[in-house]
Amino acid sequence: MQFDFKRMLKYEYNVGDKDQKIRYGAGSFAILLSMFLGSVPLLLLGIALLVSGYTHFCPIYAGLGKTTADPNGQKACCAGEAGQKVQPPSCCGHEHETHSS
């Protein structure tokens, strides 16, 4: 696998919801731990994890061409098995706008 520096600088949504939650937890833990240990690198790592979770963008994922985001750009509640779209209103109970032709 080759690292692409040009792609790393291009913003794209590549951090999914589950990955975002993990980044929030790990980042918060790293920041808290850095306060007790007085470690600046650990503090910076925690901040980087929180920012990448908040923005849904990881430059390392972009450089490697990896993504944990849903390829359809839909929230998990509106996706069916294997990423197939479920017809509303049965998908998640939310009201969805339907367009008639």
PDB file of N, CA and C in Angstrom:
ATOM      1  N   MET A   1       0.842  -1.173   0.000  1.00  0.00           N
ATOM      2  CA  MET A   1       0.000   0.000   0.000  1.00  0.00           C
ATOM      3  C   MET A   1       0.892   1.242   0.000  1.00  0.00           C
ATOM      4  N   GLN A   2       0.606   2.154  -0.879  1.00  0.00           N
ATOM      5  CA  GLN A   2       1.434   3.342  -1.029  1.00  0.00           C
ATOM      6  C   GLN A   2       0.713   4.556  -0.453  1.00  0.00           C
ATOM      7  N   PHE A   3       1.486   5.428   0.178  1.00  0.00           N
ATOM      8  CA  PHE A   3       0.938   6.632   0.793  1.00  0.00           C
ATOM      9  C   PHE A   3       0.951   7.763  -0.223  1.00  0.00           C
ATOM     10  N   ASP A   4      -0.201   8.415  -0.413  1.00  0.00           N
ATOM     11  CA  ASP A   4      -0.343   9.485  -1.390  1.00  0.00           C
ATOM     12  C   ASP A   4      -0.454  10.827  -0.658  1.00  0.00           C
ATOM     13  N   PHE A   5       0.607  11.633  -0.712  1.00  0.00           N
ATOM     14  CA  PHE A   5       0.636  12.906   0.012  1.00  0.00           C
ATOM     15  C   PHE A   5      -0.346  13.927  -0.566  1.00  0.00           C
ATOM     16  N   LYS A   6      -0.561  13.916  -1.875  1.00  0.00           N
ATOM     17  CA  LYS A   6      -1.508  14.855  -2.488  1.00  0.00           C
ATOM     18  C   LYS A   6      -2.933  14.562  -2.030  1.00  0.00           C
ATOM     19  N   ARG A   7      -3.258  13.306  -1.939  1.00  0.00           N
ATOM     20  CA  ARG A   7      -4.602  12.924  -1.500  1.00  0.00           C
ATOM     21  C   ARG A   7      -4.803  13.245  -0.023  1.00  0.00           C
ATOM     22  N   MET A   8      -3.705  13.234   0.743  1.00  0.00           N
ATOM     23  CA  MET A   8      -3.776  13.517   2.175  1.00  0.00           C
ATOM     24  C   MET A   8      -4.253  14.949   2.423  1.00  0.00           C
ATOM     25  N   LEU A   9      -3.909  15.864   1.539  1.00  0.00           N
ATOM     26  CA  LEU A   9      -4.270  17.264   1.718  1.00  0.00           C
ATOM     27  C   LEU A   9      -5.670  17.592   1.224  1.00  0.00           C
ATOM     28  N   LYS A  10      -6.322  16.640   0.576  1.00  0.00           N
ATOM     29  CA  LYS A  10      -7.660  16.857   0.035  1.00  0.00           C
ATOM     30  C   LYS A  10      -8.696  16.418   1.071  1.00  0.00           C
ATOM     31  N   TYR A  11      -9.533  17.352   1.498  1.00  0.00           N
ATOM     32  CA  TYR A  11     -10.539  17.039   2.517  1.00  0.00           C
ATOM     33  C   TYR A  11     -11.624  16.156   1.928  1.00  0.00           C
ATOM     34  N   GLU A  12     -11.897  15.056   2.615  1.00  0.00           N
ATOM     35  CA  GLU A  12     -13.006  14.177   2.248  1.00  0.00           C
ATOM     36  C   GLU A  12     -13.530  13.517   3.511  1.00  0.00           C
ATOM     37  N   TYR A  13     -14.791  13.220   3.519  1.00  0.00           N
ATOM     38  CA  TYR A  13     -15.447  12.590   4.654  1.00  0.00           C
ATOM     39  C   TYR A  13     -15.000  11.130   4.702  1.00  0.00           C
ATOM     40  N   ASN A  14     -14.087  10.783   5.634  1.00  0.00           N
ATOM     41  CA  ASN A  14     -13.573   9.414   5.654  1.00  0.00           C
ATOM     42  C   ASN A  14     -13.567   8.781   7.041  1.00  0.00           C
ATOM     43  N   VAL A  15     -14.194   9.408   8.013  1.00  0.00           N
ATOM     44  CA  VAL A  15     -14.301   8.844   9.359  1.00  0.00           C
ATOM     45  C   VAL A  15     -15.784   8.597   9.635  1.00  0.00           C
ATOM     46  N   GLY A  16     -16.141   7.334   9.822  1.00  0.00           N
ATOM     47  CA  GLY A  16     -17.525   6.971  10.068  1.00  0.00           C
ATOM     48  C   GLY A  16     -17.959   7.247  11.504  1.00  0.00           C
ATOM     49  N   ASP A  17     -19.232   6.991  11.767  1.00  0.00           N
ATOM     50  CA  ASP A  17     -19.805   7.286  13.081  1.00  0.00           C
ATOM     51  C   ASP A  17     -19.186   6.441  14.194  1.00  0.00           C
ATOM     52  N   LYS A  18     -18.985   5.162  13.935  1.00  0.00           N
ATOM     53  CA  LYS A  18     -18.387   4.296  14.961  1.00  0.00           C
ATOM     54  C   LYS A  18     -16.940   4.707  15.236  1.00  0.00           C
ATOM     55  N   ASP A  19     -16.216   4.996  14.187  1.00  0.00           N
ATOM     56  CA  ASP A  19     -14.831   5.454  14.315  1.00  0.00           C
ATOM     57  C   ASP A  19     -14.778   6.800  15.040  1.00  0.00           C
ATOM     58  N   GLN A  20     -15.768   7.653  14.789  1.00  0.00           N
ATOM     59  CA  GLN A  20     -15.825   8.952  15.454  1.00  0.00           C
ATOM     60  C   GLN A  20     -15.975   8.781  16.967  1.00  0.00           C
ATOM     61  N   LYS A  21     -16.824   7.880  17.380  1.00  0.00           N
ATOM     62  CA  LYS A  21     -17.022   7.646  18.814  1.00  0.00           C
ATOM     63  C   LYS A  21     -15.752   7.108  19.473  1.00  0.00           C
ATOM     64  N   ILE A  22     -15.055   6.233  18.774  1.00  0.00           N
ATOM     65  CA  ILE A  22     -13.797   5.697  19.303  1.00  0.00           C
ATOM     66  C   ILE A  22     -12.765   6.813  19.427  1.00  0.00           C
ATOM     67  N   ARG A  23     -12.698   7.686  18.433  1.00  0.00           N
ATOM     68  CA  ARG A  23     -11.753   8.803  18.472  1.00  0.00           C
ATOM     69  C   ARG A  23     -12.085   9.771  19.609  1.00  0.00           C
ATOM     70  N   TYR A  24     -13.373  10.027  19.836  1.00  0.00           N
ATOM     71  CA  TYR A  24     -13.769  10.889  20.959  1.00  0.00           C
ATOM     72  C   TYR A  24     -13.322  10.287  22.292  1.00  0.00           C
ATOM     73  N   GLY A  25     -13.553   9.001  22.472  1.00  0.00           N
ATOM     74  CA  GLY A  25     -13.171   8.344  23.719  1.00  0.00           C
ATOM     75  C   GLY A  25     -11.671   8.293  23.919  1.00  0.00           C
ATOM     76  N   ALA A  26     -10.951   7.876  22.884  1.00  0.00           N
ATOM     77  CA  ALA A  26      -9.492   7.774  22.985  1.00  0.00           C
ATOM     78  C   ALA A  26      -8.853   9.154  23.139  1.00  0.00           C
ATOM     79  N   GLY A  27      -9.380  10.145  22.423  1.00  0.00           N
ATOM     80  CA  GLY A  27      -8.847  11.497  22.527  1.00  0.00           C
ATOM     81  C   GLY A  27      -9.069  12.098  23.901  1.00  0.00           C
ATOM     82  N   SER A  28     -10.266  11.902  24.448  1.00  0.00           N
ATOM     83  CA  SER A  28     -10.568  12.410  25.793  1.00  0.00           C
ATOM     84  C   SER A  28      -9.694  11.743  26.835  1.00  0.00           C
ATOM     85  N   PHE A  29      -9.513  10.434  26.693  1.00  0.00           N
ATOM     86  CA  PHE A  29      -8.666   9.696  27.624  1.00  0.00           C
ATOM     87  C   PHE A  29      -7.216  10.166  27.540  1.00  0.00           C
ATOM     88  N   ALA A  30      -6.728  10.390  26.322  1.00  0.00           N
ATOM     89  CA  ALA A  30      -5.342  10.835  26.143  1.00  0.00           C
ATOM     90  C   ALA A  30      -5.130  12.223  26.745  1.00  0.00           C
ATOM     91  N   ILE A  31      -6.103  13.110  26.577  1.00  0.00           N
ATOM     92  CA  ILE A  31      -5.994  14.450  27.156  1.00  0.00           C
ATOM     93  C   ILE A  31      -6.009  14.381  28.678  1.00  0.00           C
ATOM     94  N   LEU A  32      -6.909  13.585  29.221  1.00  0.00           N
ATOM     95  CA  LEU A  32      -6.994  13.433  30.676  1.00  0.00           C
ATOM     96  C   LEU A  32      -5.707  12.834  31.235  1.00  0.00           C
ATOM     97  N   LEU A  33      -5.188  11.813  30.577  1.00  0.00           N
ATOM     98  CA  LEU A  33      -3.953  11.180  31.019  1.00  0.00           C
ATOM     99  C   LEU A  33      -2.758  12.136  30.907  1.00  0.00           C
ATOM    100  N   SER A  34      -2.759  12.958  29.858  1.00  0.00           N
ATOM    101  CA  SER A  34      -1.654  13.904  29.682  1.00  0.00           C
ATOM    102  C   SER A  34      -1.628  14.955  30.783  1.00  0.00           C
ATOM    103  N   MET A  35      -2.782  15.278  31.330  1.00  0.00           N
ATOM    104  CA  MET A  35      -2.827  16.249  32.425  1.00  0.00           C
ATOM    105  C   MET A  35      -2.168  15.692  33.688  1.00  0.00           C
ATOM    106  N   PHE A  36      -2.361  14.402  33.937  1.00  0.00           N
ATOM    107  CA  PHE A  36      -1.758  13.781  35.114  1.00  0.00           C
ATOM    108  C   PHE A  36      -0.264  13.526  34.922  1.00  0.00           C
ATOM    109  N   LEU A  37       0.137  13.174  33.698  1.00  0.00           N
ATOM    110  CA  LEU A  37       1.533  12.852  33.429  1.00  0.00           C
ATOM    111  C   LEU A  37       2.357  14.068  32.992  1.00  0.00           C
ATOM    112  N   GLY A  38       1.695  15.139  32.610  1.00  0.00           N
ATOM    113  CA  GLY A  38       2.403  16.312  32.124  1.00  0.00           C
ATOM    114  C   GLY A  38       3.050  16.090  30.770  1.00  0.00           C
ATOM    115  N   SER A  39       2.428  15.292  29.939  1.00  0.00           N
ATOM    116  CA  SER A  39       2.979  14.919  28.642  1.00  0.00           C
ATOM    117  C   SER A  39       2.350  15.753  27.521  1.00  0.00           C
ATOM    118  N   VAL A  40       3.146  16.615  26.906  1.00  0.00           N
ATOM    119  CA  VAL A  40       2.660  17.452  25.810  1.00  0.00           C
ATOM    120  C   VAL A  40       2.367  16.619  24.554  1.00  0.00           C
ATOM    121  N   PRO A  41       3.218  15.645  24.165  1.00  0.00           N
ATOM    122  CA  PRO A  41       2.883  14.837  22.986  1.00  0.00           C
ATOM    123  C   PRO A  41       1.564  14.071  23.137  1.00  0.00           C
ATOM    124  N   LEU A  42       1.284  13.581  24.333  1.00  0.00           N
ATOM    125  CA  LEU A  42       0.023  12.879  24.566  1.00  0.00           C
ATOM    126  C   LEU A  42      -1.152  13.847  24.475  1.00  0.00           C
ATOM    127  N   LEU A  43      -0.968  15.071  24.945  1.00  0.00           N
ATOM    128  CA  LEU A  43      -1.993  16.101  24.829  1.00  0.00           C
ATOM    129  C   LEU A  43      -2.271  16.412  23.360  1.00  0.00           C
ATOM    130  N   LEU A  44      -1.227  16.553  22.566  1.00  0.00           N
ATOM    131  CA  LEU A  44      -1.399  16.839  21.141  1.00  0.00           C
ATOM    132  C   LEU A  44      -2.079  15.681  20.407  1.00  0.00           C
ATOM    133  N   LEU A  45      -1.748  14.462  20.781  1.00  0.00           N
ATOM    134  CA  LEU A  45      -2.402  13.291  20.190  1.00  0.00           C
ATOM    135  C   LEU A  45      -3.890  13.296  20.511  1.00  0.00           C
ATOM    136  N   GLY A  46      -4.228  13.590  21.756  1.00  0.00           N
ATOM    137  CA  GLY A  46      -5.633  13.644  22.157  1.00  0.00           C
ATOM    138  C   GLY A  46      -6.400  14.715  21.407  1.00  0.00           C
ATOM    139  N   ILE A  47      -5.788  15.878  21.249  1.00  0.00           N
ATOM    140  CA  ILE A  47      -6.439  16.965  20.506  1.00  0.00           C
ATOM    141  C   ILE A  47      -6.631  16.566  19.046  1.00  0.00           C
ATOM    142  N   ALA A  48      -5.618  15.936  18.453  1.00  0.00           N
ATOM    143  CA  ALA A  48      -5.713  15.501  17.057  1.00  0.00           C
ATOM    144  C   ALA A  48      -6.838  14.484  16.877  1.00  0.00           C
ATOM    145  N   LEU A  49      -6.986  13.566  17.830  1.00  0.00           N
ATOM    146  CA  LEU A  49      -8.063  12.581  17.737  1.00  0.00           C
ATOM    147  C   LEU A  49      -9.433  13.237  17.854  1.00  0.00           C
ATOM    148  N   LEU A  50      -9.570  14.191  18.769  1.00  0.00           N
ATOM    149  CA  LEU A  50     -10.846  14.888  18.918  1.00  0.00           C
ATOM    150  C   LEU A  50     -11.192  15.692  17.661  1.00  0.00           C
ATOM    151  N   VAL A  51     -10.215  16.374  17.099  1.00  0.00           N
ATOM    152  CA  VAL A  51     -10.460  17.176  15.896  1.00  0.00           C
ATOM    153  C   VAL A  51     -10.824  16.288  14.718  1.00  0.00           C
ATOM    154  N   SER A  52     -10.115  15.179  14.538  1.00  0.00           N
ATOM    155  CA  SER A  52     -10.425  14.296  13.410  1.00  0.00           C
ATOM    156  C   SER A  52     -11.794  13.635  13.577  1.00  0.00           C
ATOM    157  N   GLY A  53     -12.199  13.375  14.807  1.00  0.00           N
ATOM    158  CA  GLY A  53     -13.531  12.839  15.033  1.00  0.00           C
ATOM    159  C   GLY A  53     -14.607  13.872  14.757  1.00  0.00           C
ATOM    160  N   TYR A  54     -14.359  15.101  15.173  1.00  0.00           N
ATOM    161  CA  TYR A  54     -15.338  16.172  14.992  1.00  0.00           C
ATOM    162  C   TYR A  54     -15.520  16.539  13.519  1.00  0.00           C
ATOM    163  N   THR A  55     -14.420  16.584  12.775  1.00  0.00           N
ATOM    164  CA  THR A  55     -14.497  16.976  11.365  1.00  0.00           C
ATOM    165  C   THR A  55     -14.786  15.803  10.429  1.00  0.00           C
ATOM    166  N   HIS A  56     -14.774  14.576  10.941  1.00  0.00           N
ATOM    167  CA  HIS A  56     -14.965  13.363  10.135  1.00  0.00           C
ATOM    168  C   HIS A  56     -13.899  13.240   9.052  1.00  0.00           C
ATOM    169  N   PHE A  57     -12.701  13.770   9.309  1.00  0.00           N
ATOM    170  CA  PHE A  57     -11.618  13.702   8.334  1.00  0.00           C
ATOM    171  C   PHE A  57     -10.325  13.301   9.029  1.00  0.00           C
ATOM    172  N   CYS A  58      -9.663  12.289   8.490  1.00  0.00           N
ATOM    173  CA  CYS A  58      -8.375  11.860   8.990  1.00  0.00           C
ATOM    174  C   CYS A  58      -7.381  11.922   7.829  1.00  0.00           C
ATOM    175  N   PRO A  59      -6.355  12.781   7.930  1.00  0.00           N
ATOM    176  CA  PRO A  59      -5.403  12.883   6.825  1.00  0.00           C
ATOM    177  C   PRO A  59      -4.617  11.603   6.577  1.00  0.00           C
ATOM    178  N   ILE A  60      -4.400  10.808   7.609  1.00  0.00           N
ATOM    179  CA  ILE A  60      -3.690   9.536   7.414  1.00  0.00           C
ATOM    180  C   ILE A  60      -4.567   8.563   6.629  1.00  0.00           C
ATOM    181  N   TYR A  61      -5.860   8.490   6.967  1.00  0.00           N
ATOM    182  CA  TYR A  61      -6.787   7.663   6.185  1.00  0.00           C
ATOM    183  C   TYR A  61      -6.817   8.136   4.729  1.00  0.00           C
ATOM    184  N   ALA A  62      -6.848   9.452   4.518  1.00  0.00           N
ATOM    185  CA  ALA A  62      -6.904   9.988   3.155  1.00  0.00           C
ATOM    186  C   ALA A  62      -5.655   9.602   2.372  1.00  0.00           C
ATOM    187  N   GLY A  63      -4.489   9.705   2.991  1.00  0.00           N
ATOM    188  CA  GLY A  63      -3.246   9.353   2.315  1.00  0.00           C
ATOM    189  C   GLY A  63      -3.165   7.885   1.958  1.00  0.00           C
ATOM    190  N   LEU A  64      -3.758   7.045   2.806  1.00  0.00           N
ATOM    191  CA  LEU A  64      -3.749   5.608   2.543  1.00  0.00           C
ATOM    192  C   LEU A  64      -4.911   5.167   1.661  1.00  0.00           C
ATOM    193  N   GLY A  65      -5.851   6.082   1.395  1.00  0.00           N
ATOM    194  CA  GLY A  65      -7.024   5.724   0.594  1.00  0.00           C
ATOM    195  C   GLY A  65      -8.029   4.905   1.368  1.00  0.00           C
ATOM    196  N   LYS A  66      -8.012   4.991   2.693  1.00  0.00           N
ATOM    197  CA  LYS A  66      -8.894   4.213   3.544  1.00  0.00           C
ATOM    198  C   LYS A  66     -10.061   5.074   4.006  1.00  0.00           C
ATOM    199  N   THR A  67     -11.212   4.467   4.235  1.00  0.00           N
ATOM    200  CA  THR A  67     -12.363   5.169   4.781  1.00  0.00           C
ATOM    201  C   THR A  67     -13.181   4.221   5.656  1.00  0.00           C
ATOM    202  N   THR A  68     -13.746   4.768   6.725  1.00  0.00           N
ATOM    203  CA  THR A  68     -14.673   4.003   7.557  1.00  0.00           C
ATOM    204  C   THR A  68     -16.063   4.601   7.459  1.00  0.00           C
ATOM    205  N   ALA A  69     -16.220   5.600   6.595  1.00  0.00           N
ATOM    206  CA  ALA A  69     -17.511   6.251   6.408  1.00  0.00           C
ATOM    207  C   ALA A  69     -18.391   5.408   5.501  1.00  0.00           C
ATOM    208  N   ASP A  70     -19.692   5.599   5.634  1.00  0.00           N
ATOM    209  CA  ASP A  70     -20.660   4.914   4.788  1.00  0.00           C
ATOM    210  C   ASP A  70     -20.494   5.402   3.350  1.00  0.00           C
ATOM    211  N   PRO A  71     -20.309   4.505   2.385  1.00  0.00           N
ATOM    212  CA  PRO A  71     -20.068   4.929   1.007  1.00  0.00           C
ATOM    213  C   PRO A  71     -21.253   5.669   0.379  1.00  0.00           C
ATOM    214  N   ASN A  72     -22.461   5.458   0.890  1.00  0.00           N
ATOM    215  CA  ASN A  72     -23.638   6.125   0.350  1.00  0.00           C
ATOM    216  C   ASN A  72     -23.855   7.496   0.975  1.00  0.00           C
ATOM    217  N   GLY A  73     -23.087   7.827   2.019  1.00  0.00           N
ATOM    218  CA  GLY A  73     -23.236   9.108   2.681  1.00  0.00           C
ATOM    219  C   GLY A  73     -24.470   9.189   3.539  1.00  0.00           C
ATOM    220  N   GLN A  74     -25.081   8.036   3.856  1.00  0.00           N
ATOM    221  CA  GLN A  74     -26.288   8.011   4.665  1.00  0.00           C
ATOM    222  C   GLN A  74     -25.941   7.668   6.095  1.00  0.00           C
ATOM    223  N   LYS A  75     -26.788   8.076   7.001  1.00  0.00           N
ATOM    224  CA  LYS A  75     -26.643   7.663   8.388  1.00  0.00           C
ATOM    225  C   LYS A  75     -26.982   6.179   8.483  1.00  0.00           C
ATOM    226  N   ALA A  76     -26.460   5.530   9.507  1.00  0.00           N
ATOM    227  CA  ALA A  76     -26.643   4.087   9.653  1.00  0.00           C
ATOM    228  C   ALA A  76     -28.112   3.717   9.804  1.00  0.00           C
ATOM    229  N   CYS A  77     -28.930   4.583  10.383  1.00  0.00           N
ATOM    230  CA  CYS A  77     -30.330   4.234  10.610  1.00  0.00           C
ATOM    231  C   CYS A  77     -31.122   4.202   9.312  1.00  0.00           C
ATOM    232  N   CYS A  78     -30.638   4.833   8.279  1.00  0.00           N
ATOM    233  CA  CYS A  78     -31.355   4.887   7.010  1.00  0.00           C
ATOM    234  C   CYS A  78     -30.764   3.945   5.971  1.00  0.00           C
ATOM    235  N   ALA A  79     -29.902   3.040   6.388  1.00  0.00           N
ATOM    236  CA  ALA A  79     -29.309   2.075   5.467  1.00  0.00           C
ATOM    237  C   ALA A  79     -29.760   0.680   5.869  1.00  0.00           C
ATOM    238  N   GLY A  80     -30.020  -0.138   4.892  1.00  0.00           N
ATOM    239  CA  GLY A  80     -30.447  -1.494   5.162  1.00  0.00           C
ATOM    240  C   GLY A  80     -29.273  -2.449   5.184  1.00  0.00           C
ATOM    241  N   GLU A  81     -29.534  -3.708   4.940  1.00  0.00           N
ATOM    242  CA  GLU A  81     -28.487  -4.718   4.900  1.00  0.00           C
ATOM    243  C   GLU A  81     -27.544  -4.430   3.745  1.00  0.00           C
ATOM    244  N   ALA A  82     -26.272  -4.562   3.984  1.00  0.00           N
ATOM    245  CA  ALA A  82     -25.214  -4.398   2.980  1.00  0.00           C
ATOM    246  C   ALA A  82     -25.292  -3.053   2.273  1.00  0.00           C
ATOM    247  N   GLY A  83     -25.750  -2.015   2.984  1.00  0.00           N
ATOM    248  CA  GLY A  83     -25.766  -0.673   2.433  1.00  0.00           C
ATOM    249  C   GLY A  83     -26.923  -0.380   1.492  1.00  0.00           C
ATOM    250  N   GLN A  84     -27.900  -1.287   1.398  1.00  0.00           N
ATOM    251  CA  GLN A  84     -29.041  -1.049   0.534  1.00  0.00           C
ATOM    252  C   GLN A  84     -29.990  -0.073   1.201  1.00  0.00           C
ATOM    253  N   LYS A  85     -30.576   0.783   0.403  1.00  0.00           N
ATOM    254  CA  LYS A  85     -31.478   1.793   0.934  1.00  0.00           C
ATOM    255  C   LYS A  85     -32.817   1.161   1.294  1.00  0.00           C
ATOM    256  N   VAL A  86     -33.324   1.514   2.470  1.00  0.00           N
ATOM    257  CA  VAL A  86     -34.614   1.025   2.937  1.00  0.00           C
ATOM    258  C   VAL A  86     -35.654   2.081   2.632  1.00  0.00           C
ATOM    259  N   GLN A  87     -36.814   1.661   2.206  1.00  0.00           N
ATOM    260  CA  GLN A  87     -37.862   2.607   1.868  1.00  0.00           C
ATOM    261  C   GLN A  87     -38.442   3.234   3.125  1.00  0.00           C
ATOM    262  N   PRO A  88     -38.549   4.568   3.185  1.00  0.00           N
ATOM    263  CA  PRO A  88     -39.170   5.217   4.327  1.00  0.00           C
ATOM    264  C   PRO A  88     -40.656   4.932   4.318  1.00  0.00           C
ATOM    265  N   PRO A  89     -41.325   4.965   5.423  1.00  0.00           N
ATOM    266  CA  PRO A  89     -40.934   5.335   6.771  1.00  0.00           C
ATOM    267  C   PRO A  89     -40.485   4.150   7.618  1.00  0.00           C
ATOM    268  N   SER A  90     -40.252   3.001   7.014  1.00  0.00           N
ATOM    269  CA  SER A  90     -39.916   1.818   7.798  1.00  0.00           C
ATOM    270  C   SER A  90     -38.474   1.775   8.272  1.00  0.00           C
ATOM    271  N   CYS A  91     -37.630   2.680   7.785  1.00  0.00           N
ATOM    272  CA  CYS A  91     -36.208   2.541   8.088  1.00  0.00           C
ATOM    273  C   CYS A  91     -35.863   2.895   9.524  1.00  0.00           C
ATOM    274  N   CYS A  92     -36.279   4.056  10.000  1.00  0.00           N
ATOM    275  CA  CYS A  92     -35.829   4.443  11.338  1.00  0.00           C
ATOM    276  C   CYS A  92     -36.890   5.197  12.129  1.00  0.00           C
ATOM    277  N   GLY A  93     -38.060   5.343  11.597  1.00  0.00           N
ATOM    278  CA  GLY A  93     -39.118   6.012  12.323  1.00  0.00           C
ATOM    279  C   GLY A  93     -39.151   7.514  12.150  1.00  0.00           C
ATOM    280  N   HIS A  94     -38.155   8.077  11.466  1.00  0.00           N
ATOM    281  CA  HIS A  94     -38.148   9.517  11.221  1.00  0.00           C
ATOM    282  C   HIS A  94     -38.984   9.832   9.991  1.00  0.00           C
ATOM    283  N   GLU A  95     -39.534  11.015   9.953  1.00  0.00           N
ATOM    284  CA  GLU A  95     -40.263  11.455   8.771  1.00  0.00           C
ATOM    285  C   GLU A  95     -39.269  11.779   7.669  1.00  0.00           C
ATOM    286  N   HIS A  96     -39.482  11.219   6.506  1.00  0.00           N
ATOM    287  CA  HIS A  96     -38.616  11.493   5.369  1.00  0.00           C
ATOM    288  C   HIS A  96     -39.447  12.185   4.298  1.00  0.00           C
ATOM    289  N   GLU A  97     -38.804  13.143   3.631  1.00  0.00           N
ATOM    290  CA  GLU A  97     -39.468  13.859   2.565  1.00  0.00           C
ATOM    291  C   GLU A  97     -39.469  12.983   1.314  1.00  0.00           C
ATOM    292  N   THR A  98     -40.621  12.793   0.726  1.00  0.00           N
ATOM    293  CA  THR A  98     -40.703  12.007  -0.499  1.00  0.00           C
ATOM    294  C   THR A  98     -41.000  12.944  -1.659  1.00  0.00           C
ATOM    295  N   HIS A  99     -40.385  12.678  -2.773  1.00  0.00           N
ATOM    296  CA  HIS A  99     -40.570  13.499  -3.963  1.00  0.00           C
ATOM    297  C   HIS A  99     -41.382  12.715  -4.976  1.00  0.00           C
ATOM    298  N   SER A 100     -42.460  13.301  -5.453  1.00  0.00           N
ATOM    299  CA  SER A 100     -43.265  12.611  -6.457  1.00  0.00           C
ATOM    300  C   SER A 100     -42.973  13.225  -7.818  1.00  0.00           C
ATOM    301  N   SER A 101     -42.972  12.362  -8.848  1.00  0.00           N
ATOM    302  CA  SER A 101     -42.651  12.836 -10.202  1.00  0.00           C
ATOM    303  C   SER A 101     -43.866  13.319 -10.904  1.00  0.00           C
TER     304      SER A 101
END
